[in-house]
């Protein structure tokens, strides 16, 4: 083999290992302390050389106190200048002193102790954060979480509710140091608030007309809880994405809802029929009562008028019997003769004594000109 041709193994002759030389060599180029070879480097010598270089770099030598004070002042100046920092409009500055929270600063140029004495944290406070409860993901990749979405309603029915909470940092100092895990805290508080509000309402109200009101009440309760924690968080919105019965009973629930809708429809139809019939019957009854009352008044007035006329006529008759009798005779004859055909006979005349009679009323009727409509016909 190749190392055999060279004589002495793969590191050359002598078999001294990879660092050359014979047996007993160490990896730093010399033999061990028991043998000969080059000694290890002297650390004291290296320190002395470094001090000499530093003396040559310093003006006037290392012992010049003025130069030391100048160097310390320059270092201190740049260290102090590093305490200036700028807070952007979408941020709040949180100042720490030896790791302890001191105060919160607003956007602009600020100053605080440099590190390692002070520390500055600048979280984003205008960013809207979102927490989902009852599901994970979005779009077509939604994964339901039943242990979060199943909520007991006030009528002992179970509702499958998925909702979203949007929140924002209001006070950065409280947000950073009063909550260990802000997102988990907001999620747990939101779930608790919604469960409390839903537990005071029936399932039908949660699913239909009271849905927005329940979401608003839950948002207000969640804000109260976070303020109680002094969390420095503003709850922007709590929006219910889904409110249905559980999948296992949704078909039976839909059947019940359809039956209730049919019941409501039939009730409305009956009420509409009643509202149509009853007013008309009441109107007809009122009309009949009014007609009867009018007829009664008419008959009474006619009777009273006839009685008053008879009384007046009787008083006239008592006062003047002959004249009243003659007038009654003439009125009666007038009434009788006005409705019969009349033939006039002259007893003193010659012949048959019949006087020719000209029927003037009939002639007058015949001579009456026809109306325009009759003429047109």
Protein backbone atom coordinates (compact mmCIF):
# COMPACT_ATOMS: atom_id res chain seq x y z
CA UNK A 1 0.00 0.00 0.00
CA UNK A 2 0.92 3.68 -0.28
CA UNK A 3 1.91 4.24 3.34
CA UNK A 4 3.98 1.07 3.26
CA UNK A 5 5.90 2.41 0.29
CA UNK A 6 6.68 5.58 2.20
CA UNK A 7 7.67 3.54 5.21
CA UNK A 8 5.94 4.16 8.46
CA UNK A 9 2.18 4.42 8.08
CA UNK A 10 -0.07 6.99 6.54
CA UNK A 11 1.74 9.98 8.18
CA UNK A 12 5.16 9.31 6.87
CA UNK A 13 8.15 7.59 8.30
CA UNK A 14 8.61 6.97 11.93
CA UNK A 15 4.98 6.23 12.73
CA UNK A 16 4.69 9.37 14.83
CA UNK A 17 1.05 10.02 14.16
CA UNK A 18 -0.63 12.81 12.20
CA UNK A 19 1.48 15.63 13.72
CA UNK A 20 4.78 14.24 12.62
CA UNK A 21 7.69 13.02 14.67
CA UNK A 22 8.07 9.80 16.54
CA UNK A 23 6.13 8.37 19.37
CA UNK A 24 5.05 10.58 22.21
CA UNK A 25 4.40 13.71 20.14
CA UNK A 26 1.43 15.89 21.15
CA UNK A 27 -0.93 17.58 18.71
CA UNK A 28 0.65 21.09 19.23
CA UNK A 29 3.85 20.29 17.43
CA UNK A 30 6.04 19.34 20.38
CA UNK A 31 6.63 16.40 22.58
CA UNK A 32 4.93 15.93 25.85
CA UNK A 33 6.27 17.37 29.08
CA UNK A 34 8.23 14.25 29.83
CA UNK A 35 10.08 14.37 26.51
CA UNK A 36 11.87 17.04 24.50
CA UNK A 37 10.48 19.33 21.78
CA UNK A 38 9.08 22.90 21.62
CA UNK A 39 7.53 24.25 24.88
CA UNK A 40 3.88 25.61 24.95
CA UNK A 41 3.30 29.40 24.51
CA UNK A 42 3.75 31.62 27.58
CA UNK A 43 0.52 33.38 28.60
CA UNK A 44 2.30 36.00 30.66
CA UNK A 45 4.37 36.94 27.64
CA UNK A 46 1.26 37.35 25.55
CA UNK A 47 -0.34 39.65 28.16
CA UNK A 48 2.79 41.76 28.38
CA UNK A 49 2.89 42.24 24.62
CA UNK A 50 -0.75 43.30 24.61
CA UNK A 51 -0.09 45.91 27.28
CA UNK A 52 2.82 47.28 25.27
CA UNK A 53 0.62 47.69 22.20
CA UNK A 54 -2.03 49.51 24.27
CA UNK A 55 0.59 51.89 25.68
CA UNK A 56 1.76 52.75 22.21
CA UNK A 57 -1.81 53.48 21.09
CA UNK A 58 -2.57 55.82 24.01
CA UNK A 59 -1.20 59.38 23.73
CA UNK A 60 1.33 60.09 26.44
CA UNK A 61 1.42 56.52 27.59
CA UNK A 62 -0.89 54.32 29.57
CA UNK A 63 -0.40 56.18 32.76
CA UNK A 64 -1.86 59.46 31.45
CA UNK A 65 -5.05 59.98 33.56
CA UNK A 66 -6.30 62.72 31.27
CA UNK A 67 -6.47 60.32 28.36
CA UNK A 68 -8.29 57.78 30.48
CA UNK A 69 -10.90 60.34 31.53
CA UNK A 70 -11.32 61.41 27.89
CA UNK A 71 -11.83 57.84 26.76
CA UNK A 72 -14.31 57.20 29.55
CA UNK A 73 -16.24 60.39 28.68
CA UNK A 74 -16.49 59.40 25.00
CA UNK A 75 -17.71 55.94 25.89
CA UNK A 76 -20.18 57.35 28.41
CA UNK A 77 -21.47 59.90 25.87
CA UNK A 78 -22.21 57.33 23.22
CA UNK A 79 -23.74 55.03 25.83
CA UNK A 80 -26.02 57.82 27.01
CA UNK A 81 -27.01 58.77 23.46
CA UNK A 82 -28.19 55.22 22.87
CA UNK A 83 -31.06 55.94 25.27
CA UNK A 84 -32.98 57.98 22.68
CA UNK A 85 -35.64 56.03 20.85
CA UNK A 86 -38.60 56.83 18.59
CA UNK A 87 -42.11 55.47 19.01
CA UNK A 88 -44.03 55.18 15.72
CA UNK A 89 -47.67 56.34 15.38
CA UNK A 90 -48.95 52.77 15.47
CA UNK A 91 -46.93 51.89 18.59
CA UNK A 92 -46.68 52.57 22.31
CA UNK A 93 -43.41 52.60 24.21
CA UNK A 94 -43.02 50.53 27.38
CA UNK A 95 -40.06 51.49 29.59
CA UNK A 96 -38.45 49.02 31.97
CA UNK A 97 -35.91 49.73 34.70
CA UNK A 98 -33.85 46.66 35.59
CA UNK A 99 -36.64 44.55 34.09
CA UNK A 100 -39.46 46.25 36.05
CA UNK A 101 -42.26 48.10 34.26
CA UNK A 102 -42.16 51.86 34.92
CA UNK A 103 -44.36 53.72 32.41
CA UNK A 104 -45.86 53.83 28.92
CA UNK A 105 -44.89 56.49 26.39
CA UNK A 106 -46.80 57.83 23.41
CA UNK A 107 -45.62 58.17 19.77
CA UNK A 108 -42.69 60.52 19.24
CA UNK A 109 -39.06 60.90 20.33
CA UNK A 110 -38.43 59.70 23.89
CA UNK A 111 -35.50 58.99 26.16
CA UNK A 112 -34.89 56.22 28.66
CA UNK A 113 -31.92 54.67 30.42
CA UNK A 114 -29.78 52.67 27.98
CA UNK A 115 -29.11 48.97 28.35
CA UNK A 116 -28.34 47.20 30.57
CA UNK A 117 -30.03 49.56 33.05
CA UNK A 118 -33.16 50.27 31.00
CA UNK A 119 -35.09 48.52 28.29
CA UNK A 120 -37.66 49.70 25.74
CA UNK A 121 -40.48 47.64 24.21
CA UNK A 122 -42.60 49.03 21.37
CA UNK A 123 -45.64 46.81 20.61
CA UNK A 124 -48.09 47.58 17.79
CA UNK A 125 -51.32 49.01 19.24
CA UNK A 126 -53.28 49.73 16.04
CA UNK A 127 -53.13 46.18 14.75
CA UNK A 128 -56.45 44.31 14.94
CA UNK A 129 -56.09 40.85 16.44
CA UNK A 130 -58.60 38.06 15.94
CA UNK A 131 -59.55 35.01 17.97
CA UNK A 132 -61.85 32.25 16.68
CA UNK A 133 -63.92 30.12 19.05
CA UNK A 134 -65.58 26.90 17.95
CA UNK A 135 -63.57 26.47 14.75
CA UNK A 136 -60.11 26.85 13.26
CA UNK A 137 -59.00 27.90 9.80
CA UNK A 138 -60.88 29.80 7.11
CA UNK A 139 -62.57 29.26 3.79
CA UNK A 140 -62.76 25.63 2.76
CA UNK A 141 -60.25 24.54 5.41
CA UNK A 142 -62.47 25.09 8.45
CA UNK A 143 -62.08 22.56 11.25
CA UNK A 144 -64.80 22.50 13.89
CA UNK A 145 -64.00 22.30 17.61
CA UNK A 146 -67.13 20.83 19.29
CA UNK A 147 -65.84 21.24 22.85
CA UNK A 148 -65.82 24.99 22.28
CA UNK A 149 -68.88 25.43 20.05
CA UNK A 150 -71.48 23.39 21.99
CA UNK A 151 -73.27 25.77 24.37
CA UNK A 152 -76.31 25.10 26.57
CA UNK A 153 -79.17 27.54 25.90
CA UNK A 154 -81.71 28.79 28.41
CA UNK A 155 -84.37 26.21 27.37
CA UNK A 156 -81.96 23.29 27.99
CA UNK A 157 -81.23 22.85 24.27
CA UNK A 158 -77.68 22.62 22.93
CA UNK A 159 -76.58 25.20 20.35
CA UNK A 160 -73.62 24.81 18.01
CA UNK A 161 -72.18 28.35 17.91
CA UNK A 162 -69.05 29.56 16.15
CA UNK A 163 -67.94 33.16 16.63
CA UNK A 164 -65.03 35.52 16.06
CA UNK A 165 -63.62 38.10 18.49
CA UNK A 166 -61.62 41.10 17.25
CA UNK A 167 -59.55 43.03 19.77
CA UNK A 168 -56.79 45.62 19.95
CA UNK A 169 -54.18 46.72 22.48
CA UNK A 170 -55.32 49.82 24.39
CA UNK A 171 -52.60 50.17 27.04
CA UNK A 172 -49.35 48.38 26.21
CA UNK A 173 -47.98 48.24 29.76
CA UNK A 174 -51.00 46.46 31.21
CA UNK A 175 -51.19 44.23 28.16
CA UNK A 176 -47.59 43.02 28.50
CA UNK A 177 -47.39 42.56 32.26
CA UNK A 178 -50.93 41.73 33.47
CA UNK A 179 -51.55 38.72 31.21
CA UNK A 180 -49.31 35.72 30.72
CA UNK A 181 -50.91 34.64 27.42
CA UNK A 182 -53.10 37.48 26.00
CA UNK A 183 -54.64 35.52 23.12
CA UNK A 184 -55.56 32.55 25.31
CA UNK A 185 -56.96 34.89 27.97
CA UNK A 186 -59.17 36.75 25.47
CA UNK A 187 -60.38 33.46 24.02
CA UNK A 188 -61.27 31.96 27.41
CA UNK A 189 -63.03 35.15 28.56
CA UNK A 190 -64.98 35.41 25.28
CA UNK A 191 -66.15 31.81 25.53
CA UNK A 192 -67.25 32.37 29.13
CA UNK A 193 -69.12 35.60 28.27
CA UNK A 194 -71.01 34.03 25.36
CA UNK A 195 -71.96 30.98 27.41
CA UNK A 196 -73.41 33.21 30.10
CA UNK A 197 -75.49 35.29 27.67
CA UNK A 198 -76.70 32.29 25.64
CA UNK A 199 -77.67 30.54 28.88
CA UNK A 200 -80.20 33.32 29.53
CA UNK A 201 -81.98 32.96 26.15
CA UNK A 202 -83.86 30.13 24.40
CA UNK A 203 -82.32 28.40 21.41
CA UNK A 204 -84.85 29.88 18.97
CA UNK A 205 -83.87 33.42 19.97
CA UNK A 206 -80.16 32.61 19.59
CA UNK A 207 -80.71 31.29 16.08
CA UNK A 208 -83.11 33.95 14.75
CA UNK A 209 -84.20 37.39 15.83
CA UNK A 210 -82.05 37.84 18.98
CA UNK A 211 -78.76 36.83 17.37
CA UNK A 212 -77.27 40.30 16.97
CA UNK A 213 -78.48 41.39 20.41
CA UNK A 214 -76.84 38.36 22.03
CA UNK A 215 -73.57 39.12 20.24
CA UNK A 216 -73.68 42.74 21.46
CA UNK A 217 -74.40 41.71 25.04
CA UNK A 218 -71.56 39.17 24.92
CA UNK A 219 -69.15 41.83 23.61
CA UNK A 220 -70.08 44.20 26.44
CA UNK A 221 -69.69 41.47 29.04
CA UNK A 222 -66.31 40.45 27.57
CA UNK A 223 -65.10 44.06 27.74
CA UNK A 224 -66.17 44.21 31.39
CA UNK A 225 -64.24 41.01 32.13
CA UNK A 226 -61.07 42.28 30.42
CA UNK A 227 -61.31 45.61 32.26
CA UNK A 228 -61.59 43.65 35.49
CA UNK A 229 -58.35 41.89 34.59
CA UNK A 230 -56.79 45.32 33.86
CA UNK A 231 -55.62 43.75 30.63
CA UNK A 232 -55.27 46.93 28.57
CA UNK A 233 -57.37 45.46 25.73
CA UNK A 234 -60.28 46.94 23.72
CA UNK A 235 -62.85 44.48 22.33
CA UNK A 236 -63.77 45.78 18.88
CA UNK A 237 -66.37 43.22 17.83
CA UNK A 238 -67.86 39.84 18.67
CA UNK A 239 -69.52 38.35 15.61
CA UNK A 240 -71.49 35.08 15.60
CA UNK A 241 -70.64 33.17 12.42
CA UNK A 242 -72.91 30.18 12.95
CA UNK A 243 -75.74 29.30 15.34
CA UNK A 244 -77.40 25.94 14.65
CA UNK A 245 -78.45 22.83 16.54
CA UNK A 246 -75.85 20.04 16.71
CA UNK A 247 -75.50 17.88 13.60
CA UNK A 248 -76.88 14.83 15.36
CA UNK A 249 -80.32 16.39 15.95
CA UNK A 250 -80.53 19.03 13.22
CA UNK A 251 -83.01 17.01 11.09
CA UNK A 252 -85.41 16.51 13.98
CA UNK A 253 -84.99 20.14 14.94
CA UNK A 254 -85.86 21.25 11.40
CA UNK A 255 -89.01 19.10 11.50
CA UNK A 256 -90.06 20.77 14.72
CA UNK A 257 -89.39 24.18 13.26
CA UNK A 258 -91.45 23.40 10.16
CA UNK A 259 -94.33 22.22 12.36
CA UNK A 260 -94.12 25.44 14.35
CA UNK A 261 -94.12 27.45 11.15
CA UNK A 262 -97.23 25.61 9.92
CA UNK A 263 -98.90 26.25 13.26
CA UNK A 264 -98.02 29.93 13.04
CA UNK A 265 -99.29 30.14 9.45
CA UNK A 266 -102.63 28.50 10.31
CA UNK A 267 -103.02 30.74 13.33
CA UNK A 268 -102.38 33.81 11.18
CA UNK A 269 -104.92 32.64 8.61
CA UNK A 270 -107.53 32.10 11.33
CA UNK A 271 -106.83 35.51 12.79
CA UNK A 272 -107.14 37.08 9.34
CA UNK A 273 -110.50 35.34 8.76
CA UNK A 274 -111.74 36.44 12.17
CA UNK A 275 -110.58 39.98 11.54
CA UNK A 276 -112.53 39.95 8.28
CA UNK A 277 -115.78 38.36 9.53
CA UNK A 278 -116.18 39.96 12.94
CA UNK A 279 -115.95 43.62 11.80
CA UNK A 280 -118.39 42.98 8.97
CA UNK A 281 -120.87 41.27 11.33
CA UNK A 282 -120.51 44.09 13.82
CA UNK A 283 -121.07 46.64 11.04
CA UNK A 284 -124.18 44.81 9.80
CA UNK A 285 -125.56 44.61 13.33
CA UNK A 286 -124.89 48.29 13.89
CA UNK A 287 -126.60 49.13 10.59
CA UNK A 288 -129.68 47.09 11.51
CA UNK A 289 -129.85 48.73 14.91
CA UNK A 290 -129.60 52.16 13.36
CA UNK A 291 -132.31 51.37 10.78
CA UNK A 292 -134.59 50.07 13.48
CA UNK A 293 -133.94 53.11 15.61
CA UNK A 294 -134.66 55.40 12.65
CA UNK A 295 -137.89 53.52 11.83
CA UNK A 296 -138.93 53.75 15.44
CA UNK A 297 -138.28 57.48 15.52
CA UNK A 298 -140.16 57.91 12.26
CA UNK A 299 -143.26 56.06 13.45
CA UNK A 300 -143.25 57.84 16.77
CA UNK A 301 -142.96 61.23 15.13
CA UNK A 302 -145.71 60.43 12.62
CA UNK A 303 -148.01 59.24 15.38
CA UNK A 304 -147.28 62.29 17.45
CA UNK A 305 -147.92 64.52 14.42
CA UNK A 306 -151.22 62.82 13.61
CA UNK A 307 -152.29 63.02 17.24
CA UNK A 308 -151.39 66.71 17.37
CA UNK A 309 -153.27 67.36 14.11
CA UNK A 310 -156.35 65.47 15.33
CA UNK A 311 -156.27 67.39 18.58
CA UNK A 312 -156.03 70.70 16.77
CA UNK A 313 -158.82 69.68 14.35
CA UNK A 314 -161.03 68.59 17.22
CA UNK A 315 -160.53 71.88 18.97
CA UNK A 316 -161.53 73.71 15.79
CA UNK A 317 -164.59 71.46 15.42
CA UNK A 318 -165.69 72.12 18.98
CA UNK A 319 -165.32 75.85 18.46
CA UNK A 320 -167.20 75.94 15.07
CA UNK A 321 -169.15 72.75 14.34
CA UNK A 322 -171.07 73.87 11.18
CA UNK A 323 -168.13 75.35 9.38
CA UNK A 324 -165.90 72.46 10.30
CA UNK A 325 -168.50 69.93 9.14
CA UNK A 326 -168.89 71.67 5.78
CA UNK A 327 -165.14 71.92 5.29
CA UNK A 328 -164.73 68.26 6.09
CA UNK A 329 -167.43 67.42 3.54
CA UNK A 330 -165.81 69.50 0.84
CA UNK A 331 -162.37 68.05 1.50
CA UNK A 332 -163.75 64.53 1.43
CA UNK A 333 -165.62 65.11 -1.82
CA UNK A 334 -162.55 66.68 -3.34
CA UNK A 335 -160.51 63.69 -2.40
CA UNK A 336 -163.11 61.25 -3.80
CA UNK A 337 -163.97 63.08 -7.01
CA UNK A 338 -160.36 63.83 -7.90
CA UNK A 339 -159.79 60.12 -8.53
CA UNK A 340 -162.89 59.36 -10.68
CA UNK A 341 -164.13 60.21 -14.13
CA UNK A 342 -166.49 63.18 -14.18
CA UNK A 343 -169.64 63.69 -16.24
CA UNK A 344 -171.42 67.02 -15.95
CA UNK A 345 -175.23 67.08 -16.44
CA UNK A 346 -177.16 70.24 -16.75
CA UNK A 347 -180.67 69.59 -15.48
CA UNK A 348 -181.94 72.88 -16.86
CA UNK A 349 -180.66 72.27 -20.33
CA UNK A 350 -182.56 70.93 -23.28
CA UNK A 351 -182.14 67.56 -24.69
CA UNK A 352 -180.48 64.94 -22.67
CA UNK A 353 -178.97 67.50 -20.36
CA UNK A 354 -175.48 66.16 -20.87
CA UNK A 355 -172.88 68.86 -21.14
CA UNK A 356 -169.96 68.04 -23.45
CA UNK A 357 -166.79 67.52 -21.39
CA UNK A 358 -163.39 68.34 -22.70
CA UNK A 359 -160.70 66.20 -20.91
CA UNK A 360 -158.17 68.93 -20.54
CA UNK A 361 -155.79 66.98 -18.22
CA UNK A 362 -155.44 64.13 -20.72
CA UNK A 363 -154.93 66.59 -23.56
CA UNK A 364 -152.33 68.39 -21.52
CA UNK A 365 -150.45 65.13 -20.97
CA UNK A 366 -150.52 64.34 -24.66
CA UNK A 367 -149.40 67.87 -25.59
CA UNK A 368 -146.34 67.67 -23.29
CA UNK A 369 -143.23 67.72 -25.54
CA UNK A 370 -141.00 64.66 -25.25
CA UNK A 371 -137.64 64.88 -23.53
CA UNK A 372 -134.40 65.12 -25.59
CA UNK A 373 -133.64 61.50 -24.87
CA UNK A 374 -137.11 60.44 -26.01
CA UNK A 375 -136.78 62.54 -29.17
CA UNK A 376 -133.47 60.92 -29.92
CA UNK A 377 -135.02 57.48 -29.50
